[in-house]
Amino acid sequence: MSPLTWRLADLFARHAFLLSGLGWGGMPLHAIAQDLAEGRLVELAVADVPPGGLRLPISAVYRAAAPPGPAGRWMIDQLKLCSRRDTEHGQTTG
């Protein structure tokens, strides 16, 4: 990695950096959709990355002896629902 690489875990800070023209970076589509639509940001074409970004697999892992409680089951169900919805609409997240 280049010593000139900024690493920002905070998406609000990353968004502010991008809007200020301080380089390029990945952001969740829902966080920048309006900026893309209004021309404040543009999607870059990157070799080996499909337009719209990459779909990343996600797994819920837990011990069989200690399955998730109500909140954990709700979260797993929500992730499955979002995944199905994105697949049905042909959307990707990146």
C-alpha atoms as a PDB file:
ATOM      1  CA  MET A   1       0.000   0.000   0.000  1.00  0.00           C
ATOM      2  CA  SER A   2       1.087   3.499  -0.724  1.00  0.00           C
ATOM      3  CA  PRO A   3       2.078   5.700   2.225  1.00  0.00           C
ATOM      4  CA  LEU A   4      -0.158   8.304   0.566  1.00  0.00           C
ATOM      5  CA  THR A   5      -3.316   6.256   1.239  1.00  0.00           C
ATOM      6  CA  TRP A   6      -5.965   7.707   3.561  1.00  0.00           C
ATOM      7  CA  ARG A   7      -7.784   5.134   5.661  1.00  0.00           C
ATOM      8  CA  LEU A   8     -11.094   6.301   7.083  1.00  0.00           C
ATOM      9  CA  ALA A   9     -13.385   3.972   9.003  1.00  0.00           C
ATOM     10  CA  ASP A  10     -15.996   6.691   9.488  1.00  0.00           C
ATOM     11  CA  LEU A  11     -18.289   6.883   6.445  1.00  0.00           C
ATOM     12  CA  PHE A  12     -19.318  10.480   7.207  1.00  0.00           C
ATOM     13  CA  ALA A  13     -15.671  11.569   7.126  1.00  0.00           C
ATOM     14  CA  ARG A  14     -15.042   9.550   3.952  1.00  0.00           C
ATOM     15  CA  HIS A  15     -18.092  11.128   2.321  1.00  0.00           C
ATOM     16  CA  ALA A  16     -16.870  14.619   3.261  1.00  0.00           C
ATOM     17  CA  PHE A  17     -13.401  13.850   1.841  1.00  0.00           C
ATOM     18  CA  LEU A  18     -14.897  12.629  -1.442  1.00  0.00           C
ATOM     19  CA  LEU A  19     -17.173  15.660  -1.775  1.00  0.00           C
ATOM     20  CA  SER A  20     -14.164  17.902  -1.138  1.00  0.00           C
ATOM     21  CA  GLY A  21     -12.281  16.245  -3.984  1.00  0.00           C
ATOM     22  CA  LEU A  22      -9.665  14.598  -1.766  1.00  0.00           C
ATOM     23  CA  GLY A  23      -9.216  11.440  -3.819  1.00  0.00           C
ATOM     24  CA  TRP A  24     -11.460   8.484  -4.486  1.00  0.00           C
ATOM     25  CA  GLY A  25     -12.915   5.660  -2.419  1.00  0.00           C
ATOM     26  CA  GLY A  26     -15.674   3.146  -2.021  1.00  0.00           C
ATOM     27  CA  MET A  27     -18.958   4.081  -0.397  1.00  0.00           C
ATOM     28  CA  PRO A  28     -22.290   2.313   0.092  1.00  0.00           C
ATOM     29  CA  LEU A  29     -24.524   3.218  -2.849  1.00  0.00           C
ATOM     30  CA  HIS A  30     -27.418   4.332  -0.651  1.00  0.00           C
ATOM     31  CA  ALA A  31     -25.119   6.869   1.046  1.00  0.00           C
ATOM     32  CA  ILE A  32     -24.098   8.577  -2.210  1.00  0.00           C
ATOM     33  CA  ALA A  33     -27.018   7.929  -4.579  1.00  0.00           C
ATOM     34  CA  GLN A  34     -28.189  11.552  -4.427  1.00  0.00           C
ATOM     35  CA  ASP A  35     -24.638  12.849  -4.941  1.00  0.00           C
ATOM     36  CA  LEU A  36     -24.312  10.644  -8.035  1.00  0.00           C
ATOM     37  CA  ALA A  37     -27.715  11.728  -9.367  1.00  0.00           C
ATOM     38  CA  GLU A  38     -26.909  15.424  -8.873  1.00  0.00           C
ATOM     39  CA  GLY A  39     -23.394  15.179 -10.301  1.00  0.00           C
ATOM     40  CA  ARG A  40     -21.442  15.947  -7.124  1.00  0.00           C
ATOM     41  CA  LEU A  41     -19.778  12.513  -7.366  1.00  0.00           C
ATOM     42  CA  VAL A  42     -19.159  10.180 -10.293  1.00  0.00           C
ATOM     43  CA  GLU A  43     -18.714   6.417 -10.399  1.00  0.00           C
ATOM     44  CA  LEU A  44     -15.261   5.417 -11.556  1.00  0.00           C
ATOM     45  CA  ALA A  45     -14.750   2.522 -13.948  1.00  0.00           C
ATOM     46  CA  VAL A  46     -12.230   0.238 -12.223  1.00  0.00           C
ATOM     47  CA  ALA A  47     -10.723  -2.777 -13.976  1.00  0.00           C
ATOM     48  CA  ASP A  48     -12.254  -6.071 -12.815  1.00  0.00           C
ATOM     49  CA  VAL A  49     -15.044  -4.326 -10.867  1.00  0.00           C
ATOM     50  CA  PRO A  50     -18.502  -4.469 -12.458  1.00  0.00           C
ATOM     51  CA  PRO A  51     -20.498  -1.223 -12.803  1.00  0.00           C
ATOM     52  CA  GLY A  52     -22.456  -0.694  -9.605  1.00  0.00           C
ATOM     53  CA  GLY A  53     -19.832  -2.381  -7.460  1.00  0.00           C
ATOM     54  CA  LEU A  54     -19.198  -5.796  -6.053  1.00  0.00           C
ATOM     55  CA  ARG A  55     -21.614  -8.074  -4.298  1.00  0.00           C
ATOM     56  CA  LEU A  56     -19.979  -9.369  -1.172  1.00  0.00           C
ATOM     57  CA  PRO A  57     -21.221 -12.566   0.451  1.00  0.00           C
ATOM     58  CA  ILE A  58     -22.224 -12.440   4.086  1.00  0.00           C
ATOM     59  CA  SER A  59     -22.716 -15.274   6.538  1.00  0.00           C
ATOM     60  CA  ALA A  60     -24.243 -15.518   9.979  1.00  0.00           C
ATOM     61  CA  VAL A  61     -22.127 -17.800  12.144  1.00  0.00           C
ATOM     62  CA  TYR A  62     -22.989 -18.897  15.650  1.00  0.00           C
ATOM     63  CA  ARG A  63     -22.442 -21.893  17.903  1.00  0.00           C
ATOM     64  CA  ALA A  64     -25.137 -24.543  17.601  1.00  0.00           C
ATOM     65  CA  ALA A  65     -25.224 -24.740  21.406  1.00  0.00           C
ATOM     66  CA  ALA A  66     -25.948 -20.989  21.630  1.00  0.00           C
ATOM     67  CA  PRO A  67     -28.215 -19.939  18.728  1.00  0.00           C
ATOM     68  CA  PRO A  68     -29.088 -16.255  18.339  1.00  0.00           C
ATOM     69  CA  GLY A  69     -31.854 -14.813  20.440  1.00  0.00           C
ATOM     70  CA  PRO A  70     -34.776 -12.751  19.127  1.00  0.00           C
ATOM     71  CA  ALA A  71     -32.652  -9.738  18.114  1.00  0.00           C
ATOM     72  CA  GLY A  72     -30.039 -11.901  16.399  1.00  0.00           C
ATOM     73  CA  ARG A  73     -32.692 -13.864  14.497  1.00  0.00           C
ATOM     74  CA  TRP A  74     -34.341 -10.583  13.459  1.00  0.00           C
ATOM     75  CA  MET A  75     -30.992  -9.280  12.159  1.00  0.00           C
ATOM     76  CA  ILE A  76     -30.351 -12.478  10.173  1.00  0.00           C
ATOM     77  CA  ASP A  77     -33.873 -12.301   8.692  1.00  0.00           C
ATOM     78  CA  GLN A  78     -33.331  -8.642   7.712  1.00  0.00           C
ATOM     79  CA  LEU A  79     -30.048  -9.456   5.982  1.00  0.00           C
ATOM     80  CA  LYS A  80     -31.750 -12.266   4.046  1.00  0.00           C
ATOM     81  CA  LEU A  81     -34.598  -9.927   3.093  1.00  0.00           C
ATOM     82  CA  CYS A  82     -32.222  -7.215   1.855  1.00  0.00           C
ATOM     83  CA  SER A  83     -30.235  -9.764  -0.123  1.00  0.00           C
ATOM     84  CA  ARG A  84     -33.366 -11.137  -1.803  1.00  0.00           C
ATOM     85  CA  ARG A  85     -34.672  -7.644  -2.549  1.00  0.00           C
ATOM     86  CA  ASP A  86     -31.375  -6.575  -4.158  1.00  0.00           C
ATOM     87  CA  THR A  87     -31.223  -9.776  -6.212  1.00  0.00           C
ATOM     88  CA  GLU A  88     -34.818  -9.336  -7.429  1.00  0.00           C
ATOM     89  CA  HIS A  89     -34.141  -5.724  -8.485  1.00  0.00           C
ATOM     90  CA  GLY A  90     -30.772  -6.527 -10.066  1.00  0.00           C
ATOM     91  CA  GLN A  91     -29.000  -4.152  -7.700  1.00  0.00           C
ATOM     92  CA  THR A  92     -25.506  -4.498  -6.397  1.00  0.00           C
ATOM     93  CA  THR A  93     -23.911  -2.777  -3.488  1.00  0.00           C
ATOM     94  CA  GLY A  94     -20.436  -1.471  -3.412  1.00  0.00           C
END
